[in-house]
Amino acid sequence: MGFQTEFNSVCKFKSEQELYELFEYGRGAMLKSGFRVYPTGQKVIAYSPANQAVAIVKITASIAEINFHGQEVTKVEIELVRKLTEQESAVQTALAHEMFFGEQEA
């Protein structure tokens, strides 16, 4: 049992439903496997499941627990600061592919 820290400025959604709820209600949550520590109060770039930069969000809570199935999980609660413009999204997506997600195809 150990905690993995998330110090980079990336918040990647694994579910389209979680992303939809963020945009629909201005708040949302992501469920991540394992115990993780997210920097509460920090603004980060949110990415879609397809690794597309979509918004700036603020992390409001990071709750690590063992669920009913005995799995270590972390719930990350976030609020929408704003959606990215098309140009901002393109730049952030390209940078993230190079830094976090792998080389971008030319």
Protein backbone atom coordinates (compact mmCIF):
# COMPACT_ATOMS: atom_id res chain seq x y z
CA MET A 1 0.00 0.00 0.00
CA GLY A 2 1.48 3.31 -1.06
CA PHE A 3 0.50 6.63 -2.52
CA GLN A 4 1.41 7.78 -6.02
CA THR A 5 1.72 11.56 -6.33
CA GLU A 6 0.34 13.48 -9.29
CA PHE A 7 2.47 16.63 -9.52
CA ASN A 8 2.13 17.35 -13.22
CA SER A 9 -0.53 19.75 -14.46
CA VAL A 10 -2.63 17.07 -16.12
CA CYS A 11 -6.06 15.72 -15.24
CA LYS A 12 -6.98 12.94 -17.69
CA PHE A 13 -10.52 11.62 -17.89
CA LYS A 14 -10.94 7.90 -18.56
CA SER A 15 -14.71 8.20 -19.03
CA GLU A 16 -16.75 10.35 -21.42
CA GLN A 17 -19.54 10.34 -18.79
CA GLU A 18 -17.29 11.99 -16.19
CA LEU A 19 -16.30 14.65 -18.75
CA TYR A 20 -19.94 15.20 -19.75
CA GLU A 21 -20.91 15.78 -16.10
CA LEU A 22 -18.12 18.34 -15.71
CA PHE A 23 -19.33 20.34 -18.70
CA GLU A 24 -23.04 19.94 -17.86
CA TYR A 25 -22.89 20.82 -14.15
CA GLY A 26 -19.61 22.74 -13.82
CA ARG A 27 -18.42 20.19 -11.25
CA GLY A 28 -17.50 16.57 -11.46
CA ALA A 29 -15.41 13.72 -10.16
CA MET A 30 -12.98 11.20 -11.57
CA LEU A 31 -12.30 7.79 -10.10
CA LYS A 32 -8.69 6.61 -10.39
CA SER A 33 -7.26 3.22 -9.48
CA GLY A 34 -4.76 3.06 -6.62
CA PHE A 35 -3.99 5.51 -3.87
CA ARG A 36 -2.97 8.86 -5.36
CA VAL A 37 -2.41 12.34 -4.02
CA TYR A 38 -3.71 15.19 -6.17
CA PRO A 39 -2.80 18.81 -5.34
CA THR A 40 -6.04 20.20 -3.93
CA GLY A 41 -6.61 23.83 -4.90
CA GLN A 42 -4.40 23.63 -8.00
CA LYS A 43 -5.65 24.48 -11.48
CA VAL A 44 -4.76 21.90 -14.13
CA ILE A 45 -5.47 21.14 -17.77
CA ALA A 46 -8.17 18.49 -18.27
CA TYR A 47 -7.85 15.99 -21.11
CA SER A 48 -10.52 13.85 -22.74
CA PRO A 49 -10.20 10.06 -22.96
CA ALA A 50 -8.79 10.67 -26.47
CA ASN A 51 -5.96 12.82 -24.96
CA GLN A 52 -7.45 16.09 -26.26
CA ALA A 53 -6.98 19.17 -24.02
CA VAL A 54 -10.48 20.43 -23.26
CA ALA A 55 -10.58 22.67 -20.17
CA ILE A 56 -8.95 24.24 -17.18
CA VAL A 57 -10.24 22.70 -13.95
CA LYS A 58 -9.57 23.23 -10.26
CA ILE A 59 -9.02 20.21 -8.03
CA THR A 60 -11.26 20.63 -4.99
CA ALA A 61 -10.74 17.27 -3.24
CA SER A 62 -8.66 14.11 -3.44
CA ILE A 63 -10.10 11.20 -1.47
CA ALA A 64 -8.21 7.89 -1.30
CA GLU A 65 -10.08 4.85 0.03
CA ILE A 66 -10.60 1.13 -0.25
CA ASN A 67 -13.95 0.49 -1.98
CA PHE A 68 -16.49 -2.26 -1.29
CA HIS A 69 -14.64 -4.58 -3.68
CA GLY A 70 -11.42 -4.23 -1.67
CA GLN A 71 -9.74 -2.10 -4.37
CA GLU A 72 -7.61 0.95 -3.61
CA VAL A 73 -9.16 3.94 -5.42
CA THR A 74 -8.91 7.71 -5.39
CA LYS A 75 -11.84 10.00 -6.10
CA VAL A 76 -10.79 13.38 -7.47
CA GLU A 77 -13.42 16.12 -7.24
CA ILE A 78 -13.02 19.02 -9.66
CA GLU A 79 -14.77 22.17 -10.77
CA LEU A 80 -14.71 23.71 -14.22
CA VAL A 81 -12.79 26.97 -14.47
CA ARG A 82 -13.37 27.33 -18.23
CA LYS A 83 -13.30 25.43 -21.50
CA LEU A 84 -10.25 25.94 -23.70
CA THR A 85 -10.52 27.75 -27.00
CA GLU A 86 -9.79 25.77 -30.15
CA GLN A 87 -6.32 27.33 -30.44
CA GLU A 88 -5.47 26.73 -26.75
CA SER A 89 -6.65 23.14 -27.06
CA ALA A 90 -4.47 22.50 -30.11
CA VAL A 91 -1.33 23.89 -28.41
CA GLN A 92 -1.91 22.10 -25.08
CA THR A 93 -2.75 18.83 -26.84
CA ALA A 94 0.44 18.96 -28.91
CA LEU A 95 2.55 19.71 -25.84
CA ALA A 96 0.92 16.93 -23.81
CA HIS A 97 1.52 14.39 -26.57
CA GLU A 98 5.20 15.29 -26.51
CA MET A 99 5.53 15.43 -22.71
CA PHE A 100 3.06 12.88 -21.33
CA PHE A 101 1.20 10.77 -23.89
CA GLY A 102 3.92 9.96 -26.44
CA GLU A 103 5.08 11.39 -29.72
CA GLN A 104 2.44 13.06 -31.90
CA GLU A 105 2.14 11.64 -35.39
CA ALA A 106 3.25 14.03 -38.13
